[in-house]
């Protein structure tokens, strides 16, 4: 039966409306990444890698988590840094337990470092808009280069106790402040600064330096995560997945650290620091070209 005149007249409008609906559907945003299987699997992989490195080197793992969140999952830099900080809390806790079992945590020095780092982080975030990021990156690269060379000269002794005198306590608080400032300015974890400095400047053994560094990071990471939650700069679900996955390999990394020779440990740490320095140099060069 031939269509009526009314239905023929309504056909273009209906077709137009249907096209508009289809267009709107095509333009709708994809489902939130936090619900996707890809994000969960990627976070688990990132967590397993960062947890092992955290236990092995006494670092938070943010230098691995942040770039991988940006590259693999499209996080912006601030959200990646906030998510990384949330993941560091459970990772560091497991790492501290692993090192404490072997008596490789200096509790009082860690608290002194943490007290200074909390203050330093506030100073760093205040200075952030006032200083050149590129100059800071190149300065940090130079610092890492000096540390890498020193790691081949000074080999820590695992039998030396970490004694704290009044002047050592002041120096530890000062180191914490500097670490917090650097962390706030550049976005690197405190462990990447504290671990080598405790070995080279304070004479701590490599194991005590790593265990103490991990303990120092817990209150700092909690404080930073609370601030990031208020500013909506953290994907808490992704951070929890990474942190829980990291707990599975942190103890393994800490165990490997206890069985390798101190010189081999220094070589591995030096290689990791070179990796971080290359990352920083690339960021500095990219920013320079962009300008």
Protein backbone atom coordinates (compact mmCIF):
# COMPACT_ATOMS: atom_id res chain seq x y z
CA UNK A 1 0.00 0.00 0.00
CA UNK A 2 1.40 3.42 -0.91
CA UNK A 3 2.40 5.59 2.05
CA UNK A 4 0.06 8.42 2.96
CA UNK A 5 0.94 12.04 2.30
CA UNK A 6 1.32 12.65 6.03
CA UNK A 7 3.80 9.84 6.42
CA UNK A 8 5.70 10.99 3.35
CA UNK A 9 5.89 14.50 4.82
CA UNK A 10 7.14 13.18 8.17
CA UNK A 11 9.85 11.03 6.65
CA UNK A 12 12.51 13.78 6.15
CA UNK A 13 11.96 15.12 9.66
CA UNK A 14 12.14 11.65 11.17
CA UNK A 15 15.23 10.91 9.13
CA UNK A 16 16.80 14.17 10.27
CA UNK A 17 15.91 13.46 13.89
CA UNK A 18 17.31 9.94 13.60
CA UNK A 19 20.51 11.31 12.11
CA UNK A 20 20.82 13.80 14.95
CA UNK A 21 20.34 11.04 17.50
CA UNK A 22 22.99 8.91 15.78
CA UNK A 23 25.34 11.90 15.69
CA UNK A 24 24.82 12.54 19.38
CA UNK A 25 25.49 8.90 20.14
CA UNK A 26 28.69 8.97 18.13
CA UNK A 27 29.84 12.08 19.96
CA UNK A 28 29.14 10.73 23.44
CA UNK A 29 32.31 10.20 25.50
CA UNK A 30 33.56 6.67 25.94
CA UNK A 31 32.95 4.82 29.18
CA UNK A 32 35.17 6.04 32.04
CA UNK A 33 38.66 4.56 31.80
CA UNK A 34 38.50 3.46 35.44
CA UNK A 35 35.85 0.88 34.45
CA UNK A 36 37.71 -0.55 31.52
CA UNK A 37 39.46 -3.90 31.55
CA UNK A 38 42.43 -2.28 29.81
CA UNK A 39 42.97 0.18 32.64
CA UNK A 40 42.79 -2.56 35.28
CA UNK A 41 45.30 -4.77 33.46
CA UNK A 42 47.63 -1.84 32.79
CA UNK A 43 47.49 -0.75 36.44
CA UNK A 44 48.27 -4.29 37.60
CA UNK A 45 51.30 -4.44 35.27
CA UNK A 46 52.51 -1.00 36.38
CA UNK A 47 52.07 -2.00 40.01
CA UNK A 48 54.03 -5.25 39.66
CA UNK A 49 56.97 -3.43 38.03
CA UNK A 50 57.00 -0.44 40.37
CA UNK A 51 56.67 -2.66 43.44
CA UNK A 52 59.73 -4.69 42.54
CA UNK A 53 61.80 -1.55 41.88
CA UNK A 54 60.51 0.00 45.09
CA UNK A 55 61.68 -2.94 47.17
CA UNK A 56 64.97 -3.26 45.31
CA UNK A 57 66.02 0.40 45.44
CA UNK A 58 64.07 1.84 48.37
CA UNK A 59 62.15 4.28 46.18
CA UNK A 60 58.44 4.96 45.87
CA UNK A 61 58.20 3.87 42.25
CA UNK A 62 56.69 7.14 41.06
CA UNK A 63 59.41 7.55 38.45
CA UNK A 64 57.95 4.45 36.79
CA UNK A 65 54.25 4.91 37.61
CA UNK A 66 53.87 8.50 36.39
CA UNK A 67 55.31 8.12 32.86
CA UNK A 68 53.51 4.81 32.31
CA UNK A 69 50.15 6.27 33.37
CA UNK A 70 50.71 9.14 30.94
CA UNK A 71 51.91 6.96 28.04
CA UNK A 72 49.65 3.92 28.41
CA UNK A 73 46.44 5.38 29.84
CA UNK A 74 46.49 9.02 28.75
CA UNK A 75 46.57 10.53 32.25
CA UNK A 76 47.58 14.18 32.45
CA UNK A 77 50.76 14.87 34.42
CA UNK A 78 49.10 16.16 37.60
CA UNK A 79 46.56 13.33 37.83
CA UNK A 80 49.29 10.76 37.14
CA UNK A 81 51.47 12.23 39.91
CA UNK A 82 48.57 12.25 42.38
CA UNK A 83 47.60 8.69 41.52
CA UNK A 84 51.23 7.58 41.88
CA UNK A 85 51.44 9.16 45.33
CA UNK A 86 48.34 7.24 46.46
CA UNK A 87 49.86 3.97 45.20
CA UNK A 88 53.09 4.64 47.12
CA UNK A 89 51.37 4.36 50.53
CA UNK A 90 50.68 0.57 50.54
CA UNK A 91 53.83 -0.13 48.50
CA UNK A 92 56.09 1.63 51.00
CA UNK A 93 54.34 -0.01 53.95
CA UNK A 94 55.05 -3.50 52.59
CA UNK A 95 58.61 -2.47 51.75
CA UNK A 96 59.22 -1.21 55.30
CA UNK A 97 57.97 -4.49 56.77
CA UNK A 98 60.23 -6.44 54.41
CA UNK A 99 63.31 -4.45 55.43
CA UNK A 100 62.34 -4.34 59.12
CA UNK A 101 62.36 -8.16 59.23
CA UNK A 102 66.10 -7.95 58.50
CA UNK A 103 66.62 -5.06 60.96
CA UNK A 104 67.30 -2.67 58.09
CA UNK A 105 65.12 0.29 59.11
CA UNK A 106 66.42 3.26 61.10
CA UNK A 107 63.17 4.46 62.70
CA UNK A 108 64.25 7.76 64.28
CA UNK A 109 66.17 8.99 61.20
CA UNK A 110 63.14 8.12 59.05
CA UNK A 111 60.83 10.23 61.25
CA UNK A 112 63.30 13.14 61.17
CA UNK A 113 63.47 12.90 57.39
CA UNK A 114 59.67 12.74 57.12
CA UNK A 115 59.23 15.82 59.33
CA UNK A 116 61.56 17.82 57.09
CA UNK A 117 60.04 16.42 53.88
CA UNK A 118 56.49 17.45 54.82
CA UNK A 119 57.66 21.04 55.36
CA UNK A 120 59.85 20.97 52.25
CA UNK A 121 57.01 19.74 50.04
CA UNK A 122 54.93 22.78 51.00
CA UNK A 123 57.86 25.07 50.17
CA UNK A 124 58.35 23.28 46.85
CA UNK A 125 54.72 23.65 45.78
CA UNK A 126 54.87 27.35 46.75
CA UNK A 127 58.02 27.87 44.69
CA UNK A 128 56.72 25.87 41.72
CA UNK A 129 55.23 28.77 39.72
CA UNK A 130 58.17 31.04 40.56
CA UNK A 131 61.15 29.10 39.20
CA UNK A 132 62.20 27.72 35.83
CA UNK A 133 61.24 24.06 35.48
CA UNK A 134 63.89 23.54 32.81
CA UNK A 135 66.68 24.88 35.02
CA UNK A 136 65.48 22.62 37.83
CA UNK A 137 65.46 19.56 35.59
CA UNK A 138 69.02 20.19 34.38
CA UNK A 139 70.14 20.81 37.96
CA UNK A 140 68.62 17.51 39.04
CA UNK A 141 70.30 15.72 36.12
CA UNK A 142 73.64 17.16 37.29
CA UNK A 143 72.93 15.97 40.86
CA UNK A 144 72.15 12.46 39.62
CA UNK A 145 75.33 12.41 37.54
CA UNK A 146 77.41 13.21 40.66
CA UNK A 147 75.58 10.51 42.64
CA UNK A 148 76.10 7.90 39.90
CA UNK A 149 79.85 8.54 39.86
CA UNK A 150 80.00 8.47 43.67
CA UNK A 151 78.23 5.10 43.82
CA UNK A 152 81.23 3.52 42.10
CA UNK A 153 83.64 5.12 44.58
CA UNK A 154 81.88 4.68 47.95
CA UNK A 155 80.77 1.11 48.65
CA UNK A 156 78.61 0.93 51.82
CA UNK A 157 79.37 -1.56 54.58
CA UNK A 158 76.38 -3.57 55.78
CA UNK A 159 77.82 -4.02 59.26
CA UNK A 160 77.88 -0.31 60.16
CA UNK A 161 75.18 0.94 62.59
CA UNK A 162 73.32 4.19 61.83
CA UNK A 163 73.98 6.27 64.96
CA UNK A 164 72.18 9.59 65.43
CA UNK A 165 73.84 12.48 67.25
CA UNK A 166 72.34 15.95 67.64
CA UNK A 167 74.17 17.27 64.57
CA UNK A 168 73.11 14.19 62.56
CA UNK A 169 69.49 14.84 63.54
CA UNK A 170 69.72 18.42 62.27
CA UNK A 171 71.31 17.22 59.04
CA UNK A 172 68.56 14.62 58.55
CA UNK A 173 65.81 17.21 58.99
CA UNK A 174 67.65 19.47 56.52
CA UNK A 175 67.92 16.59 54.04
CA UNK A 176 64.19 15.97 54.48
CA UNK A 177 63.42 19.62 53.73
CA UNK A 178 65.59 19.58 50.60
CA UNK A 179 64.01 16.31 49.49
CA UNK A 180 60.52 17.69 50.00
CA UNK A 181 61.35 20.85 48.04
CA UNK A 182 62.77 18.84 45.13
CA UNK A 183 59.77 16.52 45.22
CA UNK A 184 57.35 19.46 45.15
CA UNK A 185 59.22 21.24 42.36
CA UNK A 186 60.05 18.37 40.01
CA UNK A 187 57.59 15.69 41.04
CA UNK A 188 60.13 12.96 41.80
CA UNK A 189 59.79 10.66 44.79
CA UNK A 190 61.84 11.33 47.90
CA UNK A 191 63.54 7.95 47.81
CA UNK A 192 65.49 8.77 44.68
CA UNK A 193 67.24 11.53 46.66
CA UNK A 194 67.31 10.07 50.17
CA UNK A 195 68.62 6.57 49.43
CA UNK A 196 71.93 7.56 47.78
CA UNK A 197 72.51 10.52 50.12
CA UNK A 198 72.09 8.35 53.23
CA UNK A 199 74.74 6.00 51.85
CA UNK A 200 77.18 8.61 50.57
CA UNK A 201 76.86 11.41 53.14
CA UNK A 202 75.71 9.59 56.31
CA UNK A 203 77.56 6.30 55.89
CA UNK A 204 74.42 4.18 56.16
CA UNK A 205 74.49 0.69 54.69
CA UNK A 206 72.63 0.21 51.42
CA UNK A 207 69.89 -1.85 53.11
CA UNK A 208 69.31 0.60 55.96
CA UNK A 209 69.25 3.50 53.49
CA UNK A 210 66.55 1.78 51.44
CA UNK A 211 64.42 0.67 54.39
CA UNK A 212 64.65 4.10 56.04
CA UNK A 213 63.78 5.83 52.77
CA UNK A 214 60.63 3.73 52.36
CA UNK A 215 59.48 4.51 55.92
CA UNK A 216 60.07 8.23 55.37
CA UNK A 217 57.79 8.18 52.33
CA UNK A 218 54.69 6.85 54.10
CA UNK A 219 53.60 10.01 56.03
CA UNK A 220 54.73 12.20 53.14
CA UNK A 221 52.65 10.20 50.64
CA UNK A 222 49.60 10.18 52.93
CA UNK A 223 49.80 13.96 53.37
CA UNK A 224 50.18 14.49 49.63
CA UNK A 225 47.33 12.13 48.79
CA UNK A 226 44.93 13.95 51.13
CA UNK A 227 45.83 17.23 49.42
CA UNK A 228 45.38 15.69 45.96
CA UNK A 229 41.98 14.29 46.89
CA UNK A 230 40.83 17.77 47.86
CA UNK A 231 42.05 19.12 44.52
CA UNK A 232 40.64 16.16 42.55
CA UNK A 233 44.10 15.34 41.20
CA UNK A 234 44.02 11.60 41.90
CA UNK A 235 42.30 8.54 40.43
CA UNK A 236 41.92 6.69 43.71
CA UNK A 237 40.69 3.46 42.10
CA UNK A 238 43.71 3.28 39.78
CA UNK A 239 46.03 4.15 42.67
CA UNK A 240 44.61 1.35 44.82
CA UNK A 241 44.95 -1.20 42.02
CA UNK A 242 48.57 -0.18 41.40
CA UNK A 243 49.36 -0.14 45.11
CA UNK A 244 47.81 -3.56 45.78
CA UNK A 245 49.57 -5.09 42.76
CA UNK A 246 52.85 -3.52 43.86
CA UNK A 247 52.56 -5.18 47.27
CA UNK A 248 52.89 -8.55 45.52
CA UNK A 249 56.41 -7.77 44.26
CA UNK A 250 57.80 -5.27 46.80
CA UNK A 251 58.90 -8.01 49.19
CA UNK A 252 60.56 -9.83 46.29
CA UNK A 253 62.55 -6.72 45.40
CA UNK A 254 63.58 -6.24 49.03
CA UNK A 255 64.69 -9.88 49.22
CA UNK A 256 66.80 -9.51 46.07
CA UNK A 257 68.41 -6.41 47.63
CA UNK A 258 69.50 -8.46 50.65
CA UNK A 259 71.19 -11.21 48.63
CA UNK A 260 73.12 -9.12 46.10
CA UNK A 261 76.60 -7.84 46.89
CA UNK A 262 76.68 -4.15 48.01
CA UNK A 263 78.76 -3.21 44.96
CA UNK A 264 76.28 -4.95 42.65
CA UNK A 265 73.50 -3.11 44.46
CA UNK A 266 75.28 0.18 43.80
CA UNK A 267 75.67 -0.69 40.11
CA UNK A 268 71.96 -1.50 39.82
CA UNK A 269 71.02 1.71 41.62
CA UNK A 270 73.37 3.69 39.36
CA UNK A 271 71.69 2.19 36.28
CA UNK A 272 68.28 3.17 37.64
CA UNK A 273 69.47 6.73 38.34
CA UNK A 274 70.85 6.99 34.79
CA UNK A 275 67.39 5.99 33.53
CA UNK A 276 65.81 8.75 35.63
CA UNK A 277 68.41 11.30 34.46
CA UNK A 278 67.70 10.46 30.81
CA UNK A 279 63.97 10.94 31.45
CA UNK A 280 64.61 14.34 33.02
CA UNK A 281 66.93 15.42 30.20
CA UNK A 282 64.34 14.42 27.58
CA UNK A 283 61.66 16.47 29.36
CA UNK A 284 64.00 19.47 29.49
CA UNK A 285 64.85 19.18 25.77
CA UNK A 286 61.19 18.74 24.81
CA UNK A 287 60.20 21.83 26.80
CA UNK A 288 63.00 23.83 25.18
CA UNK A 289 61.90 22.84 21.66
CA UNK A 290 58.27 23.67 22.52
CA UNK A 291 59.30 27.21 23.47
